[in-house]
Amino acid sequence: MKREIGNLAEEKIRGLLEKEGYEILAKNFYAKNGEIDIIAKKGDTIVFFEVKYRSSSKFGYGEESVDSKKRKRIYLSAMEYLNQNGLRDYNYRFDVVSLMGEEVTWIKNSIWGDEIGF
């Protein structure tokens, strides 16, 4: 049930991204260090999206659950994706999109190399 809700949230966010002009390159990309929910491209930038859903703020906001350990796994998985697909020459960034009910919070550039030890 939890995965189904997550899939619905990711589907909603993919629709939002496409409306904003992003080309979806991959969804649920699995690498040895973890999973990236959505990988998209806009212009010359590849964006790695972590999507979080919460039905309420009772246990905190979705974006708060992306801790340093999770950020490092996302970063390493993104590097694997770029290497596998010959895309190292592109600009890239990491965004977190949190969905609570119908409210969307989109945090661009959510991961910086110095905070994860790179």
PDB file of N, CA and C in Angstrom:
ATOM      1  N   MET A   1       0.825  -1.197   0.000  1.00  0.00           N
ATOM      2  CA  MET A   1       0.000   0.000   0.000  1.00  0.00           C
ATOM      3  C   MET A   1       0.869   1.260   0.000  1.00  0.00           C
ATOM      4  N   LYS A   2       1.913   1.260   0.836  1.00  0.00           N
ATOM      5  CA  LYS A   2       2.797   2.418   0.929  1.00  0.00           C
ATOM      6  C   LYS A   2       3.485   2.687  -0.409  1.00  0.00           C
ATOM      7  N   ARG A   3       3.949   1.600  -1.080  1.00  0.00           N
ATOM      8  CA  ARG A   3       4.616   1.753  -2.377  1.00  0.00           C
ATOM      9  C   ARG A   3       3.636   2.273  -3.430  1.00  0.00           C
ATOM     10  N   GLU A   4       2.381   1.815  -3.364  1.00  0.00           N
ATOM     11  CA  GLU A   4       1.370   2.282  -4.320  1.00  0.00           C
ATOM     12  C   GLU A   4       1.148   3.776  -4.173  1.00  0.00           C
ATOM     13  N   ILE A   5       1.068   4.258  -2.943  1.00  0.00           N
ATOM     14  CA  ILE A   5       0.891   5.692  -2.694  1.00  0.00           C
ATOM     15  C   ILE A   5       2.106   6.460  -3.208  1.00  0.00           C
ATOM     16  N   GLY A   6       3.294   5.914  -2.971  1.00  0.00           N
ATOM     17  CA  GLY A   6       4.520   6.537  -3.470  1.00  0.00           C
ATOM     18  C   GLY A   6       4.533   6.611  -4.982  1.00  0.00           C
ATOM     19  N   ASN A   7       4.085   5.539  -5.634  1.00  0.00           N
ATOM     20  CA  ASN A   7       4.026   5.533  -7.097  1.00  0.00           C
ATOM     21  C   ASN A   7       3.067   6.593  -7.616  1.00  0.00           C
ATOM     22  N   LEU A   8       1.928   6.753  -6.951  1.00  0.00           N
ATOM     23  CA  LEU A   8       0.958   7.775  -7.356  1.00  0.00           C
ATOM     24  C   LEU A   8       1.548   9.180  -7.190  1.00  0.00           C
ATOM     25  N   ALA A   9       2.264   9.397  -6.100  1.00  0.00           N
ATOM     26  CA  ALA A   9       2.905  10.698  -5.872  1.00  0.00           C
ATOM     27  C   ALA A   9       3.949  10.971  -6.956  1.00  0.00           C
ATOM     28  N   GLU A  10       4.759   9.971  -7.275  1.00  0.00           N
ATOM     29  CA  GLU A  10       5.779  10.139  -8.310  1.00  0.00           C
ATOM     30  C   GLU A  10       5.136  10.412  -9.666  1.00  0.00           C
ATOM     31  N   GLU A  11       4.036   9.736  -9.952  1.00  0.00           N
ATOM     32  CA  GLU A  11       3.323   9.958 -11.215  1.00  0.00           C
ATOM     33  C   GLU A  11       2.813  11.402 -11.292  1.00  0.00           C
ATOM     34  N   LYS A  12       2.270  11.888 -10.211  1.00  0.00           N
ATOM     35  CA  LYS A  12       1.779  13.270 -10.159  1.00  0.00           C
ATOM     36  C   LYS A  12       2.928  14.248 -10.392  1.00  0.00           C
ATOM     37  N   ILE A  13       4.058  14.006  -9.764  1.00  0.00           N
ATOM     38  CA  ILE A  13       5.210  14.898  -9.910  1.00  0.00           C
ATOM     39  C   ILE A  13       5.762  14.824 -11.330  1.00  0.00           C
ATOM     40  N   ARG A  14       5.803  13.638 -11.940  1.00  0.00           N
ATOM     41  CA  ARG A  14       6.253  13.531 -13.335  1.00  0.00           C
ATOM     42  C   ARG A  14       5.379  14.398 -14.236  1.00  0.00           C
ATOM     43  N   GLY A  15       4.059  14.365 -14.015  1.00  0.00           N
ATOM     44  CA  GLY A  15       3.161  15.207 -14.795  1.00  0.00           C
ATOM     45  C   GLY A  15       3.476  16.686 -14.617  1.00  0.00           C
ATOM     46  N   LEU A  16       3.739  17.091 -13.381  1.00  0.00           N
ATOM     47  CA  LEU A  16       4.104  18.477 -13.094  1.00  0.00           C
ATOM     48  C   LEU A  16       5.395  18.853 -13.816  1.00  0.00           C
ATOM     49  N   LEU A  17       6.381  17.973 -13.758  1.00  0.00           N
ATOM     50  CA  LEU A  17       7.667  18.241 -14.408  1.00  0.00           C
ATOM     51  C   LEU A  17       7.502  18.383 -15.913  1.00  0.00           C
ATOM     52  N   GLU A  18       6.720  17.506 -16.514  1.00  0.00           N
ATOM     53  CA  GLU A  18       6.499  17.583 -17.960  1.00  0.00           C
ATOM     54  C   GLU A  18       5.810  18.899 -18.324  1.00  0.00           C
ATOM     55  N   LYS A  19       4.867  19.350 -17.515  1.00  0.00           N
ATOM     56  CA  LYS A  19       4.212  20.645 -17.757  1.00  0.00           C
ATOM     57  C   LYS A  19       5.205  21.800 -17.660  1.00  0.00           C
ATOM     58  N   GLU A  20       6.231  21.616 -16.818  1.00  0.00           N
ATOM     59  CA  GLU A  20       7.267  22.638 -16.638  1.00  0.00           C
ATOM     60  C   GLU A  20       8.371  22.538 -17.697  1.00  0.00           C
ATOM     61  N   GLY A  21       8.224  21.612 -18.654  1.00  0.00           N
ATOM     62  CA  GLY A  21       9.183  21.505 -19.755  1.00  0.00           C
ATOM     63  C   GLY A  21      10.320  20.522 -19.545  1.00  0.00           C
ATOM     64  N   TYR A  22      10.216  19.671 -18.533  1.00  0.00           N
ATOM     65  CA  TYR A  22      11.251  18.660 -18.297  1.00  0.00           C
ATOM     66  C   TYR A  22      10.962  17.420 -19.135  1.00  0.00           C
ATOM     67  N   GLU A  23      12.017  16.827 -19.656  1.00  0.00           N
ATOM     68  CA  GLU A  23      11.924  15.544 -20.361  1.00  0.00           C
ATOM     69  C   GLU A  23      12.304  14.459 -19.356  1.00  0.00           C
ATOM     70  N   ILE A  24      11.410  13.523 -19.135  1.00  0.00           N
ATOM     71  CA  ILE A  24      11.687  12.442 -18.186  1.00  0.00           C
ATOM     72  C   ILE A  24      12.624  11.433 -18.860  1.00  0.00           C
ATOM     73  N   LEU A  25      13.788  11.222 -18.254  1.00  0.00           N
ATOM     74  CA  LEU A  25      14.772  10.278 -18.788  1.00  0.00           C
ATOM     75  C   LEU A  25      14.644   8.897 -18.160  1.00  0.00           C
ATOM     76  N   ALA A  26      14.316   8.862 -16.881  1.00  0.00           N
ATOM     77  CA  ALA A  26      14.205   7.580 -16.169  1.00  0.00           C
ATOM     78  C   ALA A  26      13.354   7.769 -14.926  1.00  0.00           C
ATOM     79  N   LYS A  27      12.739   6.689 -14.521  1.00  0.00           N
ATOM     80  CA  LYS A  27      12.020   6.688 -13.248  1.00  0.00           C
ATOM     81  C   LYS A  27      12.436   5.451 -12.480  1.00  0.00           C
ATOM     82  N   ASN A  28      12.553   5.599 -11.187  1.00  0.00           N
ATOM     83  CA  ASN A  28      12.977   4.513 -10.306  1.00  0.00           C
ATOM     84  C   ASN A  28      14.248   3.844 -10.815  1.00  0.00           C
ATOM     85  N   PHE A  29      15.288   4.669 -10.994  1.00  0.00           N
ATOM     86  CA  PHE A  29      16.592   4.159 -11.425  1.00  0.00           C
ATOM     87  C   PHE A  29      17.287   3.516 -10.230  1.00  0.00           C
ATOM     88  N   TYR A  30      17.589   2.240 -10.367  1.00  0.00           N
ATOM     89  CA  TYR A  30      18.264   1.507  -9.295  1.00  0.00           C
ATOM     90  C   TYR A  30      19.745   1.390  -9.592  1.00  0.00           C
ATOM     91  N   ALA A  31      20.556   1.784  -8.623  1.00  0.00           N
ATOM     92  CA  ALA A  31      22.006   1.678  -8.702  1.00  0.00           C
ATOM     93  C   ALA A  31      22.482   0.929  -7.465  1.00  0.00           C
ATOM     94  N   LYS A  32      23.776   0.625  -7.419  1.00  0.00           N
ATOM     95  CA  LYS A  32      24.265  -0.155  -6.276  1.00  0.00           C
ATOM     96  C   LYS A  32      24.138   0.596  -4.952  1.00  0.00           C
ATOM     97  N   ASN A  33      24.069   1.934  -5.004  1.00  0.00           N
ATOM     98  CA  ASN A  33      23.965   2.728  -3.771  1.00  0.00           C
ATOM     99  C   ASN A  33      22.548   3.125  -3.405  1.00  0.00           C
ATOM    100  N   GLY A  34      21.596   2.852  -4.282  1.00  0.00           N
ATOM    101  CA  GLY A  34      20.221   3.219  -3.973  1.00  0.00           C
ATOM    102  C   GLY A  34      19.414   3.535  -5.210  1.00  0.00           C
ATOM    103  N   GLU A  35      18.281   4.155  -4.991  1.00  0.00           N
ATOM    104  CA  GLU A  35      17.333   4.446  -6.064  1.00  0.00           C
ATOM    105  C   GLU A  35      17.169   5.958  -6.213  1.00  0.00           C
ATOM    106  N   ILE A  36      16.974   6.372  -7.458  1.00  0.00           N
ATOM    107  CA  ILE A  36      16.601   7.752  -7.736  1.00  0.00           C
ATOM    108  C   ILE A  36      15.195   7.708  -8.320  1.00  0.00           C
ATOM    109  N   ASP A  37      14.291   8.476  -7.739  1.00  0.00           N
ATOM    110  CA  ASP A  37      12.884   8.407  -8.124  1.00  0.00           C
ATOM    111  C   ASP A  37      12.639   8.852  -9.561  1.00  0.00           C
ATOM    112  N   ILE A  38      13.147  10.024  -9.916  1.00  0.00           N
ATOM    113  CA  ILE A  38      12.937  10.564 -11.261  1.00  0.00           C
ATOM    114  C   ILE A  38      14.227  11.230 -11.725  1.00  0.00           C
ATOM    115  N   ILE A  39      14.585  10.974 -12.978  1.00  0.00           N
ATOM    116  CA  ILE A  39      15.703  11.664 -13.606  1.00  0.00           C
ATOM    117  C   ILE A  39      15.122  12.371 -14.829  1.00  0.00           C
ATOM    118  N   ALA A  40      15.360  13.675 -14.910  1.00  0.00           N
ATOM    119  CA  ALA A  40      14.783  14.459 -15.987  1.00  0.00           C
ATOM    120  C   ALA A  40      15.824  15.425 -16.539  1.00  0.00           C
ATOM    121  N   LYS A  41      15.524  15.944 -17.720  1.00  0.00           N
ATOM    122  CA  LYS A  41      16.439  16.874 -18.384  1.00  0.00           C
ATOM    123  C   LYS A  41      15.648  18.100 -18.822  1.00  0.00           C
ATOM    124  N   LYS A  42      16.263  19.253 -18.608  1.00  0.00           N
ATOM    125  CA  LYS A  42      15.706  20.499 -19.114  1.00  0.00           C
ATOM    126  C   LYS A  42      16.875  21.335 -19.595  1.00  0.00           C
ATOM    127  N   GLY A  43      16.866  21.661 -20.863  1.00  0.00           N
ATOM    128  CA  GLY A  43      18.001  22.380 -21.437  1.00  0.00           C
ATOM    129  C   GLY A  43      19.248  21.516 -21.353  1.00  0.00           C
ATOM    130  N   ASP A  44      20.305  22.093 -20.822  1.00  0.00           N
ATOM    131  CA  ASP A  44      21.560  21.334 -20.694  1.00  0.00           C
ATOM    132  C   ASP A  44      21.787  20.819 -19.280  1.00  0.00           C
ATOM    133  N   THR A  45      20.703  20.701 -18.505  1.00  0.00           N
ATOM    134  CA  THR A  45      20.821  20.260 -17.112  1.00  0.00           C
ATOM    135  C   THR A  45      20.019  18.986 -16.874  1.00  0.00           C
ATOM    136  N   ILE A  46      20.670  18.022 -16.260  1.00  0.00           N
ATOM    137  CA  ILE A  46      19.999  16.799 -15.830  1.00  0.00           C
ATOM    138  C   ILE A  46      19.686  16.973 -14.350  1.00  0.00           C
ATOM    139  N   VAL A  47      18.444  16.665 -13.986  1.00  0.00           N
ATOM    140  CA  VAL A  47      18.011  16.859 -12.612  1.00  0.00           C
ATOM    141  C   VAL A  47      17.603  15.512 -12.020  1.00  0.00           C
ATOM    142  N   PHE A  48      18.138  15.225 -10.842  1.00  0.00           N
ATOM    143  CA  PHE A  48      17.823  14.004 -10.111  1.00  0.00           C
ATOM    144  C   PHE A  48      16.835  14.384  -9.009  1.00  0.00           C
ATOM    145  N   PHE A  49      15.652  13.784  -9.067  1.00  0.00           N
ATOM    146  CA  PHE A  49      14.580  14.132  -8.146  1.00  0.00           C
ATOM    147  C   PHE A  49      14.350  13.043  -7.108  1.00  0.00           C
ATOM    148  N   GLU A  50      14.276  13.465  -5.869  1.00  0.00           N
ATOM    149  CA  GLU A  50      13.815  12.608  -4.776  1.00  0.00           C
ATOM    150  C   GLU A  50      12.404  13.085  -4.462  1.00  0.00           C
ATOM    151  N   VAL A  51      11.442  12.166  -4.535  1.00  0.00           N
ATOM    152  CA  VAL A  51      10.043  12.510  -4.295  1.00  0.00           C
ATOM    153  C   VAL A  51       9.624  11.924  -2.955  1.00  0.00           C
ATOM    154  N   LYS A  52       9.038  12.775  -2.123  1.00  0.00           N
ATOM    155  CA  LYS A  52       8.566  12.343  -0.812  1.00  0.00           C
ATOM    156  C   LYS A  52       7.093  12.697  -0.663  1.00  0.00           C
ATOM    157  N   TYR A  53       6.324  11.763  -0.125  1.00  0.00           N
ATOM    158  CA  TYR A  53       4.897  11.988   0.100  1.00  0.00           C
ATOM    159  C   TYR A  53       4.586  11.863   1.585  1.00  0.00           C
ATOM    160  N   ARG A  54       3.759  12.760   2.062  1.00  0.00           N
ATOM    161  CA  ARG A  54       3.235  12.679   3.420  1.00  0.00           C
ATOM    162  C   ARG A  54       1.749  13.003   3.361  1.00  0.00           C
ATOM    163  N   SER A  55       0.961  12.272   4.109  1.00  0.00           N
ATOM    164  CA  SER A  55      -0.470  12.581   4.166  1.00  0.00           C
ATOM    165  C   SER A  55      -0.731  13.711   5.154  1.00  0.00           C
ATOM    166  N   SER A  56       0.204  13.902   6.119  1.00  0.00           N
ATOM    167  CA  SER A  56       0.104  15.005   7.075  1.00  0.00           C
ATOM    168  C   SER A  56       1.510  15.289   7.600  1.00  0.00           C
ATOM    169  N   SER A  57       1.617  16.343   8.400  1.00  0.00           N
ATOM    170  CA  SER A  57       2.918  16.694   8.968  1.00  0.00           C
ATOM    171  C   SER A  57       3.136  16.042  10.333  1.00  0.00           C
ATOM    172  N   LYS A  58       2.285  15.110  10.686  1.00  0.00           N
ATOM    173  CA  LYS A  58       2.370  14.458  12.003  1.00  0.00           C
ATOM    174  C   LYS A  58       3.774  13.904  12.287  1.00  0.00           C
ATOM    175  N   PHE A  59       4.401  13.331  11.262  1.00  0.00           N
ATOM    176  CA  PHE A  59       5.742  12.762  11.434  1.00  0.00           C
ATOM    177  C   PHE A  59       6.801  13.597  10.718  1.00  0.00           C
ATOM    178  N   GLY A  60       6.503  14.861  10.475  1.00  0.00           N
ATOM    179  CA  GLY A  60       7.443  15.753   9.802  1.00  0.00           C
ATOM    180  C   GLY A  60       7.121  15.889   8.327  1.00  0.00           C
ATOM    181  N   TYR A  61       7.821  16.792   7.695  1.00  0.00           N
ATOM    182  CA  TYR A  61       7.633  17.059   6.273  1.00  0.00           C
ATOM    183  C   TYR A  61       8.535  16.131   5.461  1.00  0.00           C
ATOM    184  N   GLY A  62       8.087  15.800   4.261  1.00  0.00           N
ATOM    185  CA  GLY A  62       8.829  14.872   3.417  1.00  0.00           C
ATOM    186  C   GLY A  62      10.257  15.281   3.171  1.00  0.00           C
ATOM    187  N   GLU A  63      10.459  16.565   2.902  1.00  0.00           N
ATOM    188  CA  GLU A  63      11.811  17.033   2.591  1.00  0.00           C
ATOM    189  C   GLU A  63      12.755  16.887   3.773  1.00  0.00           C
ATOM    190  N   GLU A  64      12.221  16.850   4.973  1.00  0.00           N
ATOM    191  CA  GLU A  64      13.056  16.685   6.164  1.00  0.00           C
ATOM    192  C   GLU A  64      13.626  15.274   6.284  1.00  0.00           C
ATOM    193  N   SER A  65      13.031  14.327   5.583  1.00  0.00           N
ATOM    194  CA  SER A  65      13.487  12.938   5.677  1.00  0.00           C
ATOM    195  C   SER A  65      14.690  12.651   4.785  1.00  0.00           C
ATOM    196  N   VAL A  66      15.105  13.615   3.984  1.00  0.00           N
ATOM    197  CA  VAL A  66      16.266  13.423   3.115  1.00  0.00           C
ATOM    198  C   VAL A  66      17.496  13.884   3.897  1.00  0.00           C
ATOM    199  N   ASP A  67      18.015  12.957   4.693  1.00  0.00           N
ATOM    200  CA  ASP A  67      19.157  13.264   5.563  1.00  0.00           C
ATOM    201  C   ASP A  67      20.474  13.121   4.811  1.00  0.00           C
ATOM    202  N   SER A  68      21.579  13.365   5.480  1.00  0.00           N
ATOM    203  CA  SER A  68      22.899  13.336   4.828  1.00  0.00           C
ATOM    204  C   SER A  68      23.226  11.961   4.260  1.00  0.00           C
ATOM    205  N   LYS A  69      22.819  10.907   4.942  1.00  0.00           N
ATOM    206  CA  LYS A  69      23.061   9.553   4.435  1.00  0.00           C
ATOM    207  C   LYS A  69      22.298   9.327   3.119  1.00  0.00           C
ATOM    208  N   LYS A  70      21.054   9.753   3.081  1.00  0.00           N
ATOM    209  CA  LYS A  70      20.234   9.616   1.873  1.00  0.00           C
ATOM    210  C   LYS A  70      20.803  10.482   0.748  1.00  0.00           C
ATOM    211  N   ARG A  71      21.228  11.703   1.068  1.00  0.00           N
ATOM    212  CA  ARG A  71      21.801  12.589   0.049  1.00  0.00           C
ATOM    213  C   ARG A  71      23.047  11.975  -0.568  1.00  0.00           C
ATOM    214  N   LYS A  72      23.876  11.350   0.252  1.00  0.00           N
ATOM    215  CA  LYS A  72      25.096  10.723  -0.274  1.00  0.00           C
ATOM    216  C   LYS A  72      24.745   9.559  -1.196  1.00  0.00           C
ATOM    217  N   ARG A  73      23.750   8.757  -0.831  1.00  0.00           N
ATOM    218  CA  ARG A  73      23.330   7.633  -1.686  1.00  0.00           C
ATOM    219  C   ARG A  73      22.769   8.145  -3.014  1.00  0.00           C
ATOM    220  N   ILE A  74      21.995   9.230  -2.961  1.00  0.00           N
ATOM    221  CA  ILE A  74      21.454   9.814  -4.190  1.00  0.00           C
ATOM    222  C   ILE A  74      22.593  10.301  -5.082  1.00  0.00           C
ATOM    223  N   TYR A  75      23.544  10.985  -4.481  1.00  0.00           N
ATOM    224  CA  TYR A  75      24.682  11.498  -5.248  1.00  0.00           C
ATOM    225  C   TYR A  75      25.450  10.369  -5.933  1.00  0.00           C
ATOM    226  N   LEU A  76      25.783   9.334  -5.187  1.00  0.00           N
ATOM    227  CA  LEU A  76      26.546   8.222  -5.755  1.00  0.00           C
ATOM    228  C   LEU A  76      25.748   7.505  -6.848  1.00  0.00           C
ATOM    229  N   SER A  77      24.457   7.358  -6.659  1.00  0.00           N
ATOM    230  CA  SER A  77      23.605   6.739  -7.673  1.00  0.00           C
ATOM    231  C   SER A  77      23.533   7.610  -8.923  1.00  0.00           C
ATOM    232  N   ALA A  78      23.475   8.917  -8.733  1.00  0.00           N
ATOM    233  CA  ALA A  78      23.443   9.838  -9.869  1.00  0.00           C
ATOM    234  C   ALA A  78      24.731   9.751 -10.681  1.00  0.00           C
ATOM    235  N   MET A  79      25.861   9.665  -9.997  1.00  0.00           N
ATOM    236  CA  MET A  79      27.134   9.540 -10.708  1.00  0.00           C
ATOM    237  C   MET A  79      27.162   8.244 -11.521  1.00  0.00           C
ATOM    238  N   GLU A  80      26.601   7.187 -10.960  1.00  0.00           N
ATOM    239  CA  GLU A  80      26.522   5.916 -11.678  1.00  0.00           C
ATOM    240  C   GLU A  80      25.662   6.076 -12.938  1.00  0.00           C
ATOM    241  N   TYR A  81      24.531   6.759 -12.811  1.00  0.00           N
ATOM    242  CA  TYR A  81      23.654   6.988 -13.965  1.00  0.00           C
ATOM    243  C   TYR A  81      24.381   7.790 -15.046  1.00  0.00           C
ATOM    244  N   LEU A  82      25.036   8.883 -14.641  1.00  0.00           N
ATOM    245  CA  LEU A  82      25.756   9.715 -15.608  1.00  0.00           C
ATOM    246  C   LEU A  82      26.838   8.918 -16.321  1.00  0.00           C
ATOM    247  N   ASN A  83      27.588   8.116 -15.581  1.00  0.00           N
ATOM    248  CA  ASN A  83      28.649   7.302 -16.182  1.00  0.00           C
ATOM    249  C   ASN A  83      28.086   6.252 -17.134  1.00  0.00           C
ATOM    250  N   GLN A  84      27.044   5.552 -16.726  1.00  0.00           N
ATOM    251  CA  GLN A  84      26.441   4.509 -17.562  1.00  0.00           C
ATOM    252  C   GLN A  84      25.905   5.062 -18.871  1.00  0.00           C
ATOM    253  N   ASN A  85      25.458   6.299 -18.848  1.00  0.00           N
ATOM    254  CA  ASN A  85      24.802   6.879 -20.015  1.00  0.00           C
ATOM    255  C   ASN A  85      25.649   7.912 -20.750  1.00  0.00           C
ATOM    256  N   GLY A  86      26.915   8.018 -20.403  1.00  0.00           N
ATOM    257  CA  GLY A  86      27.817   8.940 -21.085  1.00  0.00           C
ATOM    258  C   GLY A  86      27.381  10.396 -20.981  1.00  0.00           C
ATOM    259  N   LEU A  87      26.893  10.792 -19.836  1.00  0.00           N
ATOM    260  CA  LEU A  87      26.328  12.134 -19.664  1.00  0.00           C
ATOM    261  C   LEU A  87      27.136  13.010 -18.706  1.00  0.00           C
ATOM    262  N   ARG A  88      28.382  12.680 -18.466  1.00  0.00           N
ATOM    263  CA  ARG A  88      29.182  13.431 -17.485  1.00  0.00           C
ATOM    264  C   ARG A  88      29.413  14.886 -17.892  1.00  0.00           C
ATOM    265  N   ASP A  89      29.255  15.209 -19.182  1.00  0.00           N
ATOM    266  CA  ASP A  89      29.491  16.576 -19.635  1.00  0.00           C
ATOM    267  C   ASP A  89      28.308  17.509 -19.387  1.00  0.00           C
ATOM    268  N   TYR A  90      27.188  16.959 -18.959  1.00  0.00           N
ATOM    269  CA  TYR A  90      26.015  17.782 -18.681  1.00  0.00           C
ATOM    270  C   TYR A  90      26.138  18.435 -17.301  1.00  0.00           C
ATOM    271  N   ASN A  91      25.468  19.562 -17.155  1.00  0.00           N
ATOM    272  CA  ASN A  91      25.273  20.126 -15.820  1.00  0.00           C
ATOM    273  C   ASN A  91      24.259  19.234 -15.117  1.00  0.00           C
ATOM    274  N   TYR A  92      24.327  19.177 -13.823  1.00  0.00           N
ATOM    275  CA  TYR A  92      23.339  18.387 -13.098  1.00  0.00           C
ATOM    276  C   TYR A  92      23.075  19.023 -11.742  1.00  0.00           C
ATOM    277  N   ARG A  93      21.899  18.694 -11.223  1.00  0.00           N
ATOM    278  CA  ARG A  93      21.541  19.166  -9.892  1.00  0.00           C
ATOM    279  C   ARG A  93      20.603  18.155  -9.250  1.00  0.00           C
ATOM    280  N   PHE A  94      20.355  18.378  -7.961  1.00  0.00           N
ATOM    281  CA  PHE A  94      19.540  17.466  -7.174  1.00  0.00           C
ATOM    282  C   PHE A  94      18.400  18.251  -6.532  1.00  0.00           C
ATOM    283  N   ASP A  95      17.174  17.822  -6.803  1.00  0.00           N
ATOM    284  CA  ASP A  95      15.996  18.487  -6.259  1.00  0.00           C
ATOM    285  C   ASP A  95      15.205  17.504  -5.402  1.00  0.00           C
ATOM    286  N   VAL A  96      14.542  18.034  -4.394  1.00  0.00           N
ATOM    287  CA  VAL A  96      13.613  17.252  -3.584  1.00  0.00           C
ATOM    288  C   VAL A  96      12.232  17.854  -3.796  1.00  0.00           C
ATOM    289  N   VAL A  97      11.275  16.991  -4.120  1.00  0.00           N
ATOM    290  CA  VAL A  97       9.893  17.434  -4.278  1.00  0.00           C
ATOM    291  C   VAL A  97       9.065  16.678  -3.250  1.00  0.00           C
ATOM    292  N   SER A  98       8.418  17.440  -2.390  1.00  0.00           N
ATOM    293  CA  SER A  98       7.603  16.866  -1.329  1.00  0.00           C
ATOM    294  C   SER A  98       6.144  17.166  -1.622  1.00  0.00           C
ATOM    295  N   LEU A  99       5.329  16.158  -1.446  1.00  0.00           N
ATOM    296  CA  LEU A  99       3.895  16.285  -1.694  1.00  0.00           C
ATOM    297  C   LEU A  99       3.163  15.951  -0.402  1.00  0.00           C
ATOM    298  N   MET A 100       2.393  16.924   0.087  1.00  0.00           N
ATOM    299  CA  MET A 100       1.565  16.683   1.269  1.00  0.00           C
ATOM    300  C   MET A 100       0.137  17.020   0.871  1.00  0.00           C
ATOM    301  N   GLY A 101      -0.667  15.975   0.724  1.00  0.00           N
ATOM    302  CA  GLY A 101      -2.000  16.181   0.182  1.00  0.00           C
ATOM    303  C   GLY A 101      -1.853  16.687  -1.236  1.00  0.00           C
ATOM    304  N   GLU A 102      -2.339  17.876  -1.510  1.00  0.00           N
ATOM    305  CA  GLU A 102      -2.196  18.492  -2.833  1.00  0.00           C
ATOM    306  C   GLU A 102      -1.097  19.551  -2.864  1.00  0.00           C
ATOM    307  N   GLU A 103      -0.482  19.823  -1.720  1.00  0.00           N
ATOM    308  CA  GLU A 103       0.543  20.859  -1.632  1.00  0.00           C
ATOM    309  C   GLU A 103       1.910  20.320  -2.046  1.00  0.00           C
ATOM    310  N   VAL A 104       2.532  21.000  -2.995  1.00  0.00           N
ATOM    311  CA  VAL A 104       3.846  20.599  -3.516  1.00  0.00           C
ATOM    312  C   VAL A 104       4.898  21.583  -3.024  1.00  0.00           C
ATOM    313  N   THR A 105       5.969  21.045  -2.457  1.00  0.00           N
ATOM    314  CA  THR A 105       7.139  21.841  -2.085  1.00  0.00           C
ATOM    315  C   THR A 105       8.300  21.343  -2.931  1.00  0.00           C
ATOM    316  N   TRP A 106       8.888  22.237  -3.713  1.00  0.00           N
ATOM    317  CA  TRP A 106       9.961  21.867  -4.639  1.00  0.00           C
ATOM    318  C   TRP A 106      11.221  22.600  -4.215  1.00  0.00           C
ATOM    319  N   ILE A 107      12.208  21.848  -3.757  1.00  0.00           N
ATOM    320  CA  ILE A 107      13.477  22.432  -3.310  1.00  0.00           C
ATOM    321  C   ILE A 107      14.538  22.109  -4.353  1.00  0.00           C
ATOM    322  N   LYS A 108      14.981  23.145  -5.055  1.00  0.00           N
ATOM    323  CA  LYS A 108      16.014  22.965  -6.081  1.00  0.00           C
ATOM    324  C   LYS A 108      17.393  23.029  -5.431  1.00  0.00           C
ATOM    325  N   ASN A 109      18.346  22.339  -6.058  1.00  0.00           N
ATOM    326  CA  ASN A 109      19.727  22.305  -5.549  1.00  0.00           C
ATOM    327  C   ASN A 109      19.777  21.881  -4.085  1.00  0.00           C
ATOM    328  N   SER A 110      19.143  20.780  -3.793  1.00  0.00           N
ATOM    329  CA  SER A 110      19.032  20.328  -2.406  1.00  0.00           C
ATOM    330  C   SER A 110      20.271  19.610  -1.884  1.00  0.00           C
ATOM    331  N   ILE A 111      21.181  19.247  -2.765  1.00  0.00           N
ATOM    332  CA  ILE A 111      22.394  18.530  -2.349  1.00  0.00           C
ATOM    333  C   ILE A 111      23.610  19.292  -2.864  1.00  0.00           C
ATOM    334  N   TRP A 112      24.522  19.532  -1.973  1.00  0.00           N
ATOM    335  CA  TRP A 112      25.794  20.164  -2.320  1.00  0.00           C
ATOM    336  C   TRP A 112      26.924  19.222  -1.928  1.00  0.00           C
ATOM    337  N   GLY A 113      27.944  19.156  -2.739  1.00  0.00           N
ATOM    338  CA  GLY A 113      29.040  18.220  -2.520  1.00  0.00           C
ATOM    339  C   GLY A 113      29.709  18.334  -1.166  1.00  0.00           C
ATOM    340  N   ASP A 114      29.866  19.554  -0.645  1.00  0.00           N
ATOM    341  CA  ASP A 114      30.579  19.705   0.627  1.00  0.00           C
ATOM    342  C   ASP A 114      29.795  19.120   1.800  1.00  0.00           C
ATOM    343  N   GLU A 115      28.475  19.052   1.698  1.00  0.00           N
ATOM    344  CA  GLU A 115      27.699  18.515   2.825  1.00  0.00           C
ATOM    345  C   GLU A 115      27.660  16.984   2.850  1.00  0.00           C
ATOM    346  N   ILE A 116      28.074  16.358   1.732  1.00  0.00           N
ATOM    347  CA  ILE A 116      28.106  14.891   1.720  1.00  0.00           C
ATOM    348  C   ILE A 116      29.534  14.362   1.625  1.00  0.00           C
ATOM    349  N   GLY A 117      30.494  15.253   1.745  1.00  0.00           N
ATOM    350  CA  GLY A 117      31.882  14.815   1.807  1.00  0.00           C
ATOM    351  C   GLY A 117      32.587  14.719   0.471  1.00  0.00           C
ATOM    352  N   PHE A 118      32.119  15.460  -0.538  1.00  0.00           N
ATOM    353  CA  PHE A 118      32.786  15.457  -1.847  1.00  0.00           C
ATOM    354  C   PHE A 118      33.251  16.851  -2.210  1.00  0.00           C
TER     355      PHE A 118
END
